[in-house]
Protein backbone atom coordinates (compact mmCIF):
# COMPACT_ATOMS: atom_id res chain seq x y z
CA MET A 1 -20.58 25.60 -15.43
CA ALA A 2 -18.67 24.46 -12.85
CA ASP A 3 -15.27 27.24 -12.02
CA VAL A 4 -11.85 25.51 -10.94
CA LEU A 5 -9.90 26.63 -8.51
CA VAL A 6 -6.01 25.49 -8.48
CA MET A 7 -4.57 26.47 -5.44
CA TYR A 8 -0.84 25.63 -5.30
CA LYS A 9 2.45 27.27 -4.66
CA SER A 10 5.68 25.49 -5.07
CA SER A 11 7.66 25.42 -1.91
CA ASP A 12 10.89 23.94 -0.60
CA ILE A 13 9.18 21.17 0.95
CA ILE A 14 6.87 20.72 -2.18
CA PRO A 15 8.64 21.70 -4.90
CA MET A 16 6.71 20.17 -8.45
CA VAL A 17 5.45 22.99 -10.49
CA VAL A 18 2.56 24.02 -12.32
CA THR A 19 2.35 26.26 -15.61
CA LYS A 20 0.14 27.80 -17.60
CA GLU A 21 0.48 24.10 -19.55
CA HIS A 22 -1.27 22.65 -17.23
CA ILE A 23 -3.86 25.29 -16.66
CA ASP A 24 -4.83 25.28 -20.13
CA LYS A 25 -5.12 21.90 -20.13
CA ILE A 26 -7.94 21.73 -16.94
CA SER A 27 -9.45 24.42 -19.24
CA ASN A 28 -9.86 22.67 -22.02
CA ILE A 29 -12.00 20.09 -20.15
CA ALA A 30 -14.06 23.14 -17.58
CA SER A 31 -17.14 24.22 -18.71
CA GLY A 32 -16.78 27.26 -16.29
CA ASN A 33 -13.66 29.19 -15.53
CA VAL A 34 -10.20 28.36 -14.45
CA TYR A 35 -8.24 30.17 -12.01
CA TRP A 36 -4.82 30.17 -10.29
CA CYS A 37 -3.68 30.98 -7.00
CA GLY A 38 -0.79 30.33 -4.42
CA ASN A 39 -2.98 30.79 -1.36
CA GLU A 40 -6.19 31.15 -0.09
CA GLU A 41 -5.09 34.92 1.01
CA GLU A 42 -4.84 35.78 -3.18
CA ALA A 43 -8.02 33.89 -3.36
CA PHE A 44 -9.91 35.93 -0.84
CA SER A 45 -8.36 39.14 -2.45
CA ALA A 46 -9.56 38.26 -6.10
CA LYS A 47 -12.45 37.17 -4.81
CA ILE A 48 -12.78 33.94 -5.91
CA ASP A 49 -14.97 31.29 -4.74
CA THR A 50 -15.05 27.69 -6.98
CA GLU A 51 -17.10 24.50 -7.14
CA VAL A 52 -14.05 22.52 -7.43
CA LEU A 53 -10.90 22.92 -5.97
CA PHE A 54 -7.74 21.56 -6.49
CA ILE A 55 -4.77 22.05 -4.08
CA TRP A 56 -1.87 19.74 -2.45
CA GLY A 57 -3.77 18.20 0.41
CA GLY A 58 -0.56 15.57 1.95
CA SER A 59 0.83 17.88 4.52
CA GLY A 60 1.46 21.45 5.89
CA LYS A 61 -1.58 24.00 6.40
CA VAL A 62 -4.73 23.40 3.95
CA PRO A 63 -7.28 26.13 2.97
CA GLU A 64 -9.64 25.29 5.58
CA LYS A 65 -10.69 29.17 6.16
CA TYR A 66 -11.28 29.49 2.29
CA CYS A 67 -13.30 26.01 2.01
CA MET A 68 -15.35 27.17 5.42
CA GLN A 69 -16.92 30.47 3.58
CA SER A 70 -16.75 28.92 0.04
CA GLN A 71 -20.71 29.56 -0.78
CA LYS A 72 -20.17 27.13 -4.03
CA LEU A 73 -17.75 24.52 -2.96
CA LYS A 74 -18.63 21.18 -3.32
CA TRP A 75 -15.37 18.70 -4.71
CA ILE A 76 -11.77 19.36 -3.46
CA ASN A 77 -9.24 17.00 -5.69
CA SER A 78 -5.96 16.54 -3.57
CA PHE A 79 -2.99 15.96 -5.63
CA SER A 80 -1.16 13.76 -3.53
CA ALA A 81 -2.37 10.38 -2.41
CA GLY A 82 -2.64 11.26 1.45
CA VAL A 83 -5.43 13.66 2.63
CA ASP A 84 -4.71 13.93 6.50
CA PRO A 85 -4.10 17.34 6.99
CA ILE A 86 -7.50 17.83 5.53
CA MET A 87 -9.30 15.47 7.52
CA LYS A 88 -8.00 17.01 10.50
CA SER A 89 -9.86 19.81 9.71
CA GLN A 90 -12.86 21.21 9.65
CA ILE A 91 -13.43 20.64 5.96
CA SER A 92 -13.85 16.98 6.41
CA LYS A 93 -17.17 18.24 8.02
CA LEU A 94 -18.49 19.90 4.70
CA PRO A 95 -20.99 18.11 2.53
CA ILE A 96 -18.44 17.88 -0.03
CA LYS A 97 -16.73 15.19 -2.25
CA LEU A 98 -13.41 14.63 -1.80
CA THR A 99 -10.60 12.49 -3.88
CA ASN A 100 -7.14 12.01 -3.75
CA ALA A 101 -4.29 10.77 -6.62
CA LYS A 102 -4.18 7.82 -6.12
CA GLY A 103 -2.40 5.62 -8.50
CA ILE A 104 0.03 7.89 -9.44
CA HIS A 105 2.63 7.22 -7.25
CA GLY A 106 3.30 3.73 -7.88
CA LYS A 107 6.34 4.08 -10.16
CA THR A 108 8.39 6.43 -8.70
CA MET A 109 7.73 5.00 -5.05
CA ALA A 110 8.49 1.30 -6.31
CA MET A 111 11.63 2.39 -8.65
CA THR A 112 12.44 4.17 -5.22
CA THR A 113 11.67 1.30 -2.88
CA ILE A 114 13.98 -1.09 -4.51
CA GLY A 115 17.01 1.63 -4.15
CA TYR A 116 16.21 1.11 -0.51
CA ILE A 117 16.49 -2.45 -1.00
CA ILE A 118 19.38 -2.49 -2.83
CA SER A 119 21.40 0.15 -0.80
CA LEU A 120 20.82 -1.89 2.45
CA LEU A 121 21.65 -5.05 0.87
CA ARG A 122 24.78 -4.17 -0.67
CA ASN A 123 25.85 -2.07 2.11
CA PHE A 124 25.92 1.73 0.66
CA PRO A 125 25.40 3.36 3.70
CA ILE A 126 28.39 2.21 5.10
CA MET A 127 30.24 2.79 2.09
CA TYR A 128 29.00 6.41 1.58
CA LYS A 129 30.49 7.03 4.95
CA LYS A 130 33.70 5.63 4.27
CA GLN A 131 33.90 7.33 0.92
CA LEU A 132 33.39 10.54 2.73
CA GLU A 133 36.44 9.63 5.23
CA HIS A 134 38.70 9.03 2.47
CA THR A 135 38.70 5.07 3.19
CA TRP A 136 38.90 2.45 1.01
CA GLU A 137 37.82 -0.50 3.07
CA LYS A 138 36.44 -3.52 1.50
CA LYS A 139 35.50 -5.85 4.93
CA PHE A 140 32.20 -6.03 6.25
CA ALA A 141 30.63 -6.56 9.89
CA LYS A 142 28.02 -8.50 7.42
CA LEU A 143 29.03 -9.21 3.50
CA PRO A 144 26.52 -7.47 0.97
CA LYS A 145 23.69 -9.56 0.44
CA GLU A 146 21.95 -10.40 -3.15
CA THR A 147 17.73 -9.97 -3.31
CA GLU A 148 17.21 -13.72 -5.31
CA GLY A 149 16.01 -15.64 -2.63
CA LEU A 150 14.74 -13.42 0.14
CA THR A 151 11.48 -12.65 1.31
CA VAL A 152 9.49 -9.08 1.13
CA THR A 153 5.98 -8.47 3.23
CA ILE A 154 4.42 -5.41 2.22
CA LEU A 155 1.87 -4.18 4.66
CA GLY A 156 -0.79 -1.82 3.05
CA ALA A 157 -1.02 -4.20 -0.17
CA GLY A 158 -2.42 -1.53 -2.48
CA ALA A 159 -1.90 0.33 -6.00
CA ILE A 160 1.28 1.13 -4.93
CA GLY A 161 2.39 -2.24 -2.74
CA SER A 162 1.91 -3.88 -6.67
CA GLU A 163 3.87 -1.98 -8.39
CA VAL A 164 6.54 -2.25 -5.46
CA ALA A 165 5.96 -6.05 -5.76
CA ARG A 166 6.29 -6.33 -9.83
CA LEU A 167 9.90 -4.54 -9.12
CA CYS A 168 10.36 -7.61 -6.28
CA LYS A 169 9.58 -10.52 -7.91
CA ALA A 170 12.00 -9.08 -11.14
CA HIS A 171 14.68 -9.11 -8.76
CA GLY A 172 14.09 -12.85 -7.58
CA MET A 173 11.78 -12.52 -4.41
CA THR A 174 8.99 -13.68 -2.65
CA VAL A 175 6.28 -11.22 -2.46
CA LEU A 176 4.05 -11.38 0.56
CA GLY A 177 1.03 -9.06 1.34
CA VAL A 178 -1.06 -8.15 4.17
CA LYS A 179 -4.55 -6.01 3.61
CA ARG A 180 -8.05 -5.64 5.21
CA LYS A 181 -9.25 -8.02 2.68
CA ILE A 182 -7.83 -10.69 1.39
CA ILE A 183 -7.93 -10.85 -2.19
CA PRO A 184 -5.47 -12.63 -5.09
CA LEU A 185 -3.00 -9.79 -6.04
CA LYS A 186 -0.61 -10.19 -9.12
CA HIS A 187 2.86 -10.31 -8.28
CA PHE A 188 2.15 -11.41 -4.95
CA ASP A 189 3.30 -15.07 -3.57
CA CYS A 190 0.56 -14.61 -0.76
CA VAL A 191 -1.64 -12.06 0.84
CA TYR A 192 -3.08 -12.09 4.27
CA SER A 193 -5.47 -10.48 6.42
CA GLU A 194 -4.12 -7.37 9.42
CA GLU A 195 -5.27 -10.45 11.99
CA GLU A 196 -2.62 -12.78 10.44
CA LYS A 197 0.24 -10.25 10.24
CA ASN A 198 2.66 -11.54 12.08
CA ILE A 199 2.85 -14.73 10.00
CA PRO A 200 4.65 -12.27 7.11
CA LEU A 201 6.21 -10.55 9.66
CA ALA A 202 8.09 -13.47 10.65
CA LYS A 203 9.07 -14.42 7.30
CA ALA A 204 10.39 -11.57 5.95
CA ASP A 205 14.05 -9.88 5.28
CA ILE A 206 12.60 -6.80 4.01
CA VAL A 207 9.55 -4.86 5.18
CA VAL A 208 7.81 -2.10 3.78
CA VAL A 209 5.30 0.21 4.93
CA LEU A 210 2.71 1.45 2.80
CA THR A 211 0.16 1.82 5.18
CA PRO A 212 -1.88 4.88 5.14
CA LEU A 213 -1.95 7.08 7.93
CA THR A 214 -5.37 7.01 9.47
CA GLU A 215 -6.08 6.73 14.32
CA LYS A 216 -6.43 3.04 13.52
CA THR A 217 -3.16 2.81 12.07
CA ARG A 218 -1.19 5.52 14.14
CA HIS A 219 1.90 3.02 15.36
CA THR A 220 0.30 -0.04 14.22
CA VAL A 221 4.08 -1.00 13.36
CA ASN A 222 5.64 -1.03 17.16
CA ALA A 223 7.67 -2.76 19.80
CA LYS A 224 5.89 -6.06 19.18
CA THR A 225 6.43 -5.80 15.21
CA PHE A 226 10.08 -5.33 15.59
CA GLU A 227 9.49 -8.52 18.61
CA VAL A 228 8.27 -10.58 15.86
CA MET A 229 10.82 -9.57 12.62
CA LYS A 230 14.30 -11.27 11.89
CA ASP A 231 16.95 -9.27 13.94
CA SER A 232 18.60 -9.31 10.27
CA ALA A 233 15.36 -7.64 8.54
CA PHE A 234 15.23 -4.32 7.40
CA ILE A 235 12.21 -2.36 7.82
CA ILE A 236 11.47 0.78 4.81
CA ASN A 237 8.66 3.21 5.11
CA ILE A 238 7.34 5.35 2.18
CA ALA A 239 4.01 5.90 3.59
CA ARG A 240 3.33 8.23 7.12
CA GLY A 241 5.69 8.78 9.47
CA ALA A 242 3.33 8.25 12.02
CA VAL A 243 2.08 5.28 11.19
CA ILE A 244 5.71 3.40 12.88
CA ASP A 245 6.23 4.52 16.59
CA GLU A 246 9.55 6.33 16.45
CA THR A 247 10.81 5.49 19.67
CA ALA A 248 10.14 2.08 19.39
CA LEU A 249 11.95 1.59 15.99
CA ILE A 250 14.91 3.69 17.51
CA GLU A 251 15.33 1.27 20.36
CA ALA A 252 14.71 -1.73 17.70
CA LEU A 253 17.72 -0.31 15.87
CA GLN A 254 19.65 0.28 18.66
CA ASN A 255 19.31 -2.88 20.58
CA LYS A 256 20.03 -4.86 17.10
CA LYS A 257 16.29 -6.23 16.94
CA ILE A 258 16.42 -5.38 13.42
CA ALA A 259 19.12 -5.01 11.04
CA GLY A 260 18.17 -1.71 9.44
CA ALA A 261 16.08 1.05 7.89
CA ALA A 262 15.03 2.98 5.28
CA LEU A 263 12.77 6.22 5.87
CA ASP A 264 11.10 8.25 3.57
CA ALA A 265 8.58 9.46 6.46
CA THR A 266 9.52 10.11 9.85
CA GLU A 267 6.43 11.37 13.11
CA THR A 268 8.00 14.56 12.94
CA GLU A 269 9.13 16.26 9.91
CA PRO A 270 12.13 17.80 9.30
CA LEU A 271 13.44 15.12 11.47
CA PRO A 272 14.83 16.76 14.08
CA ALA A 273 18.53 17.49 14.24
CA ASP A 274 19.37 15.79 17.28
CA SER A 275 17.52 12.35 16.20
CA PRO A 276 19.89 9.35 16.76
CA LEU A 277 18.50 8.16 13.47
CA TRP A 278 20.53 10.50 11.33
CA ASP A 279 23.82 8.98 12.77
CA MET A 280 22.86 5.39 12.23
CA GLU A 281 25.13 3.91 9.54
CA ASN A 282 22.61 0.92 9.17
CA VAL A 283 19.73 3.92 8.28
CA ILE A 284 18.83 5.61 5.12
CA ILE A 285 17.10 8.92 5.44
CA THR A 286 15.30 10.33 2.41
CA PRO A 287 13.16 14.14 2.89
CA HIS A 288 9.93 12.54 1.97
CA ASN A 289 10.60 12.67 -1.54
CA SER A 290 9.34 8.87 -2.74
CA ALA A 291 6.78 9.94 -5.22
CA THR A 292 8.70 13.18 -6.39
CA SER A 293 9.45 13.17 -9.78
CA GLU A 294 9.68 15.50 -12.75
CA ARG A 295 6.46 13.88 -14.11
CA TYR A 296 4.59 13.56 -11.19
CA ILE A 297 2.87 16.88 -11.88
CA HIS A 298 2.04 16.06 -15.22
CA ARG A 299 0.13 12.72 -14.13
CA ALA A 300 -1.65 14.53 -11.56
CA ILE A 301 -3.02 17.26 -13.40
CA ASP A 302 -3.69 14.47 -16.38
CA GLN A 303 -5.72 12.20 -13.79
CA PHE A 304 -7.85 15.43 -12.33
CA CYS A 305 -8.85 16.16 -15.62
CA GLU A 306 -9.91 12.42 -16.25
CA ASN A 307 -12.14 13.04 -13.05
CA LEU A 308 -13.14 16.51 -14.16
CA LYS A 309 -14.48 14.97 -17.45
CA LEU A 310 -16.98 12.60 -15.09
CA TYR A 311 -17.72 15.53 -12.85
CA GLU A 312 -18.82 17.64 -15.92
CA GLU A 313 -20.78 14.59 -17.17
CA GLY A 314 -22.47 14.14 -13.52
CA LYS A 315 -20.87 10.76 -13.27
CA GLU A 316 -19.50 9.00 -10.31
CA LEU A 317 -15.50 10.28 -9.44
CA PHE A 318 -13.09 7.61 -8.96
CA ASN A 319 -10.37 7.55 -5.79
CA GLN A 320 -13.36 9.26 -4.54
CA ILE A 321 -12.87 8.95 -0.05
CA ASP A 322 -15.50 8.30 2.44
CA LEU A 323 -15.53 11.21 4.86
CA GLU A 324 -17.55 9.35 7.34
CA LYS A 325 -15.56 6.18 7.32
CA TYR A 326 -11.69 7.50 6.94
């Protein structure tokens, strides 16, 4: 029988809430006991050791000590898509299965991205600043733009990128994608390889960064990227902060090599109060919450339950991460 431990407590940083209803849903699938605690200290105190562990693995502290001391652990499921903290810990060396929440973020992150695009094109950040100043002003350095006829380039054309592409197409935009393996993708006008990425970057009016963070992709968006982009183009990061070289980004914005940015992720989080990004009127800063939704945890639990059924039946899990190739 497979016992399951849900190790999670909501916080200001990760506000999603697990409820008894969610635990009951997992209990209906699990063949063994289902436990619920806030952190590894509580698990140690209660002497809980399980085969399956369900945690938030996208940021912050991971239960490294608990995992390393477990005698039963065989599978960890992260209800975030990112698992960088797990992979940086000793947990990645364990002979376990690791799955993530790939596939549940598309709707909210795409909706947020469209919000960024419209806000940047229509000068919303500037107008909001004028609102705070109680200033009624219709004249702008650059007139507001429309989405129709613009080109969006998505770096990391995966599941989330497909949903972003769908909404961009609905707003009349041409959508280009960059992907390690070139395959035809629905809602994309053309897909390029990593080696060809300068072609769609040069065409882009908007660049959306959705590249997962690994040691290979760290600072993959850098000064050379901004040199290739149009000076009228905007960049949007809804991936991980360190995918973009933040020093190069600030320089590009200050020197008007690009027109603006929307950043849901930054290299250091929270973004330091003295960062010049805060005071740029052509920059939108949000606190890494483009995927956050009142429905997020429900989707994560439902997805985990689907995988738990497969686990109980001895079948292959979906969203499994190759620990050796990550």
